């Protein structure tokens, strides 16, 4: 979760649901600048644009109380589209990234121990879609790119004022900007 105090806005940005787009937009708004230097996922970059990331010690109850007067937004995406995007990004496009390596190694170990053979050489060192889906549905989700919305944003505790959907991003951005 991130907060933009200037606009009294609390935003739960769920990975693979337009998170980067929202963060870049909020950085531009918060710093009154069209130029953004650095990665949108870097807490130091966000902080340099007056956007606060929640701290590790913060509980959801602390967040709900501290930001009770803020306009609260959650960004979502159709679950199947989100998980396909996560597979493409983490398994196919960037398997070398540290965040991708651990789940990939786990999936490949499972393949080896189950004596499963994959004839397609493209999948010799990366999981197939079927292996990925099995992994996501049968193991505790540690990676935020496929964790459940309620684990990331706690909608039973934090009462969101707006739900922005990836599928209607343009009109949802207009709606959120009208609210702040």
C-alpha atoms as a PDB file:
ATOM      1  CA  UNK A   1       0.000   0.000   0.000  1.00  0.00           C
ATOM      2  CA  UNK A   2       1.107   3.524  -0.706  1.00  0.00           C
ATOM      3  CA  UNK A   3      -0.124   6.880   0.552  1.00  0.00           C
ATOM      4  CA  UNK A   4      -0.077  10.300  -1.078  1.00  0.00           C
ATOM      5  CA  UNK A   5      -0.547  12.725   1.802  1.00  0.00           C
ATOM      6  CA  UNK A   6      -0.840  15.748  -0.513  1.00  0.00           C
ATOM      7  CA  UNK A   7      -4.118  14.333  -1.851  1.00  0.00           C
ATOM      8  CA  UNK A   8      -5.146  12.294   1.198  1.00  0.00           C
ATOM      9  CA  UNK A   9      -5.074   9.165  -0.921  1.00  0.00           C
ATOM     10  CA  UNK A  10      -4.358   5.602   0.195  1.00  0.00           C
ATOM     11  CA  UNK A  11      -3.783   3.187  -2.645  1.00  0.00           C
ATOM     12  CA  UNK A  12      -3.487  -0.584  -2.589  1.00  0.00           C
ATOM     13  CA  UNK A  13      -1.681  -1.402  -5.796  1.00  0.00           C
ATOM     14  CA  UNK A  14      -1.851  -5.080  -6.615  1.00  0.00           C
ATOM     15  CA  UNK A  15       0.929  -6.370  -8.872  1.00  0.00           C
ATOM     16  CA  UNK A  16      -0.181  -7.191 -12.428  1.00  0.00           C
ATOM     17  CA  UNK A  17      -3.235  -4.929 -12.011  1.00  0.00           C
ATOM     18  CA  UNK A  18      -1.865  -1.707 -13.446  1.00  0.00           C
ATOM     19  CA  UNK A  19       0.431  -1.090 -10.466  1.00  0.00           C
ATOM     20  CA  UNK A  20       3.238   0.545 -12.444  1.00  0.00           C
ATOM     21  CA  UNK A  21       0.848   2.806 -14.348  1.00  0.00           C
ATOM     22  CA  UNK A  22      -0.829   3.952 -11.157  1.00  0.00           C
ATOM     23  CA  UNK A  23       2.484   4.537  -9.376  1.00  0.00           C
ATOM     24  CA  UNK A  24       3.899   6.602 -12.244  1.00  0.00           C
ATOM     25  CA  UNK A  25       0.694   8.662 -12.395  1.00  0.00           C
ATOM     26  CA  UNK A  26       0.729   9.258  -8.633  1.00  0.00           C
ATOM     27  CA  UNK A  27       4.421  10.226  -8.705  1.00  0.00           C
ATOM     28  CA  UNK A  28       3.733  12.758 -11.448  1.00  0.00           C
ATOM     29  CA  UNK A  29       0.768  14.200  -9.548  1.00  0.00           C
ATOM     30  CA  UNK A  30       2.500  14.286  -6.201  1.00  0.00           C
ATOM     31  CA  UNK A  31       5.688  15.918  -7.429  1.00  0.00           C
ATOM     32  CA  UNK A  32       4.066  18.187 -10.060  1.00  0.00           C
ATOM     33  CA  UNK A  33       6.493  16.798 -12.601  1.00  0.00           C
ATOM     34  CA  UNK A  34       6.169  15.007 -15.903  1.00  0.00           C
ATOM     35  CA  UNK A  35       9.624  13.457 -15.590  1.00  0.00           C
ATOM     36  CA  UNK A  36      10.064  10.465 -13.346  1.00  0.00           C
ATOM     37  CA  UNK A  37      13.499   9.025 -12.753  1.00  0.00           C
ATOM     38  CA  UNK A  38      13.793   5.502 -11.410  1.00  0.00           C
ATOM     39  CA  UNK A  39      11.615   2.430 -11.046  1.00  0.00           C
ATOM     40  CA  UNK A  40       8.041   2.776  -9.844  1.00  0.00           C
ATOM     41  CA  UNK A  41       8.498  -0.248  -7.576  1.00  0.00           C
ATOM     42  CA  UNK A  42      11.453   1.249  -5.693  1.00  0.00           C
ATOM     43  CA  UNK A  43      10.301   2.618  -2.297  1.00  0.00           C
ATOM     44  CA  UNK A  44      13.093   5.229  -2.356  1.00  0.00           C
ATOM     45  CA  UNK A  45      11.925   6.510  -5.748  1.00  0.00           C
ATOM     46  CA  UNK A  46       8.333   6.662  -4.484  1.00  0.00           C
ATOM     47  CA  UNK A  47       9.474   8.461  -1.341  1.00  0.00           C
ATOM     48  CA  UNK A  48      11.427  11.011  -3.407  1.00  0.00           C
ATOM     49  CA  UNK A  49       8.089  11.865  -5.062  1.00  0.00           C
ATOM     50  CA  UNK A  50       6.301  12.285  -1.718  1.00  0.00           C
ATOM     51  CA  UNK A  51       4.666   8.868  -1.781  1.00  0.00           C
ATOM     52  CA  UNK A  52       4.869   6.798   1.373  1.00  0.00           C
ATOM     53  CA  UNK A  53       5.118   3.019   1.266  1.00  0.00           C
ATOM     54  CA  UNK A  54       3.745   1.096   4.212  1.00  0.00           C
ATOM     55  CA  UNK A  55       6.417  -0.073   6.602  1.00  0.00           C
ATOM     56  CA  UNK A  56       6.997  -3.754   7.402  1.00  0.00           C
ATOM     57  CA  UNK A  57       5.909  -3.293  11.038  1.00  0.00           C
ATOM     58  CA  UNK A  58       2.583  -1.673  10.124  1.00  0.00           C
ATOM     59  CA  UNK A  59      -0.424  -3.852  10.743  1.00  0.00           C
ATOM     60  CA  UNK A  60      -3.523  -3.548   8.613  1.00  0.00           C
ATOM     61  CA  UNK A  61      -5.263  -2.120  11.678  1.00  0.00           C
ATOM     62  CA  UNK A  62      -2.601   0.616  11.990  1.00  0.00           C
ATOM     63  CA  UNK A  63      -3.060   1.484   8.333  1.00  0.00           C
ATOM     64  CA  UNK A  64      -6.866   1.552   8.570  1.00  0.00           C
ATOM     65  CA  UNK A  65      -6.733   3.878  11.581  1.00  0.00           C
ATOM     66  CA  UNK A  66      -3.947   6.160  10.322  1.00  0.00           C
ATOM     67  CA  UNK A  67      -5.591   6.701   6.927  1.00  0.00           C
ATOM     68  CA  UNK A  68      -9.270   6.611   7.904  1.00  0.00           C
ATOM     69  CA  UNK A  69      -9.901  10.085   6.428  1.00  0.00           C
ATOM     70  CA  UNK A  70      -8.133   9.344   3.146  1.00  0.00           C
ATOM     71  CA  UNK A  71      -9.790   8.352  -0.113  1.00  0.00           C
ATOM     72  CA  UNK A  72      -8.957   4.654  -0.350  1.00  0.00           C
ATOM     73  CA  UNK A  73      -8.483   2.951  -3.720  1.00  0.00           C
ATOM     74  CA  UNK A  74      -7.807  -0.646  -4.666  1.00  0.00           C
ATOM     75  CA  UNK A  75      -6.683  -1.580  -8.178  1.00  0.00           C
ATOM     76  CA  UNK A  76      -7.784  -4.994  -9.495  1.00  0.00           C
ATOM     77  CA  UNK A  77      -7.744  -7.055 -12.678  1.00  0.00           C
ATOM     78  CA  UNK A  78      -9.631 -10.092 -13.915  1.00  0.00           C
ATOM     79  CA  UNK A  79      -7.954 -12.971 -12.022  1.00  0.00           C
ATOM     80  CA  UNK A  80      -7.223 -15.074 -15.104  1.00  0.00           C
ATOM     81  CA  UNK A  81      -5.703 -12.113 -16.959  1.00  0.00           C
ATOM     82  CA  UNK A  82      -3.627 -11.307 -13.884  1.00  0.00           C
ATOM     83  CA  UNK A  83      -2.228 -14.824 -13.485  1.00  0.00           C
ATOM     84  CA  UNK A  84      -1.460 -15.081 -17.228  1.00  0.00           C
ATOM     85  CA  UNK A  85       0.379 -11.771 -16.992  1.00  0.00           C
ATOM     86  CA  UNK A  86       2.352 -13.026 -13.977  1.00  0.00           C
ATOM     87  CA  UNK A  87       3.309 -16.221 -15.834  1.00  0.00           C
ATOM     88  CA  UNK A  88       4.451 -14.334 -18.904  1.00  0.00           C
ATOM     89  CA  UNK A  89       6.383 -11.738 -16.917  1.00  0.00           C
ATOM     90  CA  UNK A  90       8.005 -13.935 -14.264  1.00  0.00           C
ATOM     91  CA  UNK A  91       8.414 -17.263 -16.048  1.00  0.00           C
ATOM     92  CA  UNK A  92       8.776 -16.473 -19.760  1.00  0.00           C
ATOM     93  CA  UNK A  93      10.076 -12.909 -20.090  1.00  0.00           C
ATOM     94  CA  UNK A  94      12.259 -12.546 -16.969  1.00  0.00           C
ATOM     95  CA  UNK A  95      13.113 -15.967 -15.492  1.00  0.00           C
ATOM     96  CA  UNK A  96      16.590 -14.700 -14.561  1.00  0.00           C
ATOM     97  CA  UNK A  97      15.308 -12.186 -11.997  1.00  0.00           C
ATOM     98  CA  UNK A  98      15.908 -13.148  -8.360  1.00  0.00           C
ATOM     99  CA  UNK A  99      12.172 -12.984  -7.564  1.00  0.00           C
ATOM    100  CA  UNK A 100      11.499 -15.518 -10.317  1.00  0.00           C
ATOM    101  CA  UNK A 101      14.326 -17.956  -9.544  1.00  0.00           C
ATOM    102  CA  UNK A 102      13.033 -19.496  -6.316  1.00  0.00           C
ATOM    103  CA  UNK A 103       9.565 -20.487  -7.586  1.00  0.00           C
ATOM    104  CA  UNK A 104      11.056 -21.704 -10.866  1.00  0.00           C
ATOM    105  CA  UNK A 105      13.554 -23.902  -9.019  1.00  0.00           C
ATOM    106  CA  UNK A 106      10.747 -25.298  -6.858  1.00  0.00           C
ATOM    107  CA  UNK A 107       8.625 -26.114  -9.904  1.00  0.00           C
ATOM    108  CA  UNK A 108      11.531 -27.750 -11.746  1.00  0.00           C
ATOM    109  CA  UNK A 109      12.405 -29.857  -8.669  1.00  0.00           C
ATOM    110  CA  UNK A 110       8.801 -31.043  -8.532  1.00  0.00           C
ATOM    111  CA  UNK A 111       8.969 -31.946 -12.237  1.00  0.00           C
ATOM    112  CA  UNK A 112      12.170 -33.923 -11.691  1.00  0.00           C
ATOM    113  CA  UNK A 113      10.921 -35.761  -8.585  1.00  0.00           C
ATOM    114  CA  UNK A 114       7.675 -36.671 -10.360  1.00  0.00           C
ATOM    115  CA  UNK A 115       9.759 -37.922 -13.300  1.00  0.00           C
ATOM    116  CA  UNK A 116       7.821 -35.728 -15.693  1.00  0.00           C
ATOM    117  CA  UNK A 117       9.448 -35.230 -19.068  1.00  0.00           C
ATOM    118  CA  UNK A 118       8.802 -32.226 -21.251  1.00  0.00           C
ATOM    119  CA  UNK A 119       9.503 -32.761 -24.943  1.00  0.00           C
ATOM    120  CA  UNK A 120       9.460 -29.070 -25.837  1.00  0.00           C
ATOM    121  CA  UNK A 121      13.037 -27.735 -25.424  1.00  0.00           C
ATOM    122  CA  UNK A 122      11.719 -24.217 -24.720  1.00  0.00           C
ATOM    123  CA  UNK A 123      10.568 -25.480 -21.328  1.00  0.00           C
ATOM    124  CA  UNK A 124      13.748 -27.296 -20.308  1.00  0.00           C
ATOM    125  CA  UNK A 125      14.609 -24.630 -17.705  1.00  0.00           C
ATOM    126  CA  UNK A 126      11.298 -22.888 -17.145  1.00  0.00           C
ATOM    127  CA  UNK A 127       7.930 -24.194 -15.967  1.00  0.00           C
ATOM    128  CA  UNK A 128       5.104 -24.892 -18.366  1.00  0.00           C
ATOM    129  CA  UNK A 129       1.788 -23.098 -17.895  1.00  0.00           C
ATOM    130  CA  UNK A 130       0.346 -26.258 -16.305  1.00  0.00           C
ATOM    131  CA  UNK A 131       3.238 -26.476 -13.797  1.00  0.00           C
ATOM    132  CA  UNK A 132       2.833 -22.817 -12.942  1.00  0.00           C
ATOM    133  CA  UNK A 133      -0.919 -23.139 -12.351  1.00  0.00           C
ATOM    134  CA  UNK A 134      -0.353 -26.196 -10.154  1.00  0.00           C
ATOM    135  CA  UNK A 135       2.287 -24.310  -8.161  1.00  0.00           C
ATOM    136  CA  UNK A 136       0.100 -21.213  -7.679  1.00  0.00           C
ATOM    137  CA  UNK A 137      -2.927 -23.256  -6.597  1.00  0.00           C
ATOM    138  CA  UNK A 138      -1.104 -25.760  -4.346  1.00  0.00           C
ATOM    139  CA  UNK A 139       1.582 -23.789  -2.526  1.00  0.00           C
ATOM    140  CA  UNK A 140       1.398 -20.855  -0.112  1.00  0.00           C
ATOM    141  CA  UNK A 141       1.651 -17.658  -2.138  1.00  0.00           C
ATOM    142  CA  UNK A 142       4.691 -15.674  -1.112  1.00  0.00           C
ATOM    143  CA  UNK A 143       5.079 -13.751  -4.342  1.00  0.00           C
ATOM    144  CA  UNK A 144       2.758 -10.709  -4.464  1.00  0.00           C
ATOM    145  CA  UNK A 145       2.287 -11.182  -8.205  1.00  0.00           C
ATOM    146  CA  UNK A 146      -0.053 -14.105  -7.518  1.00  0.00           C
ATOM    147  CA  UNK A 147      -1.148 -13.565  -3.941  1.00  0.00           C
ATOM    148  CA  UNK A 148      -4.853 -13.156  -3.322  1.00  0.00           C
ATOM    149  CA  UNK A 149      -6.310  -9.643  -3.272  1.00  0.00           C
ATOM    150  CA  UNK A 150      -7.544  -9.993   0.289  1.00  0.00           C
ATOM    151  CA  UNK A 151      -4.059 -11.000   1.498  1.00  0.00           C
ATOM    152  CA  UNK A 152      -2.543  -7.870  -0.030  1.00  0.00           C
ATOM    153  CA  UNK A 153      -5.229  -5.241   0.570  1.00  0.00           C
ATOM    154  CA  UNK A 154      -7.426  -6.516   3.438  1.00  0.00           C
ATOM    155  CA  UNK A 155     -10.803  -5.267   2.173  1.00  0.00           C
ATOM    156  CA  UNK A 156     -12.542  -6.630   5.269  1.00  0.00           C
ATOM    157  CA  UNK A 157     -10.587  -4.150   7.422  1.00  0.00           C
ATOM    158  CA  UNK A 158      -9.942  -1.238   5.067  1.00  0.00           C
ATOM    159  CA  UNK A 159     -13.122   0.159   3.570  1.00  0.00           C
ATOM    160  CA  UNK A 160     -12.188   1.170   0.035  1.00  0.00           C
ATOM    161  CA  UNK A 161     -13.951   4.141  -1.553  1.00  0.00           C
ATOM    162  CA  UNK A 162     -13.030   3.221  -5.141  1.00  0.00           C
ATOM    163  CA  UNK A 163     -12.251   0.017  -7.002  1.00  0.00           C
ATOM    164  CA  UNK A 164     -10.180   0.659 -10.111  1.00  0.00           C
ATOM    165  CA  UNK A 165     -10.112  -2.106 -12.695  1.00  0.00           C
ATOM    166  CA  UNK A 166      -7.332  -2.697 -15.197  1.00  0.00           C
ATOM    167  CA  UNK A 167      -9.985  -3.315 -17.855  1.00  0.00           C
ATOM    168  CA  UNK A 168     -11.464   0.188 -17.364  1.00  0.00           C
ATOM    169  CA  UNK A 169      -8.276   1.987 -16.341  1.00  0.00           C
ATOM    170  CA  UNK A 170      -8.835   5.208 -18.273  1.00  0.00           C
ATOM    171  CA  UNK A 171     -12.299   5.966 -16.869  1.00  0.00           C
ATOM    172  CA  UNK A 172     -11.252   4.766 -13.394  1.00  0.00           C
ATOM    173  CA  UNK A 173      -8.282   7.155 -13.369  1.00  0.00           C
ATOM    174  CA  UNK A 174     -10.693   9.993 -14.182  1.00  0.00           C
ATOM    175  CA  UNK A 175     -13.009   8.894 -11.382  1.00  0.00           C
ATOM    176  CA  UNK A 176     -10.215   8.702  -8.786  1.00  0.00           C
ATOM    177  CA  UNK A 177      -8.814  12.086  -9.832  1.00  0.00           C
ATOM    178  CA  UNK A 178     -12.294  13.600  -9.477  1.00  0.00           C
ATOM    179  CA  UNK A 179     -12.453  12.269  -5.905  1.00  0.00           C
ATOM    180  CA  UNK A 180      -9.199  13.769  -4.640  1.00  0.00           C
END
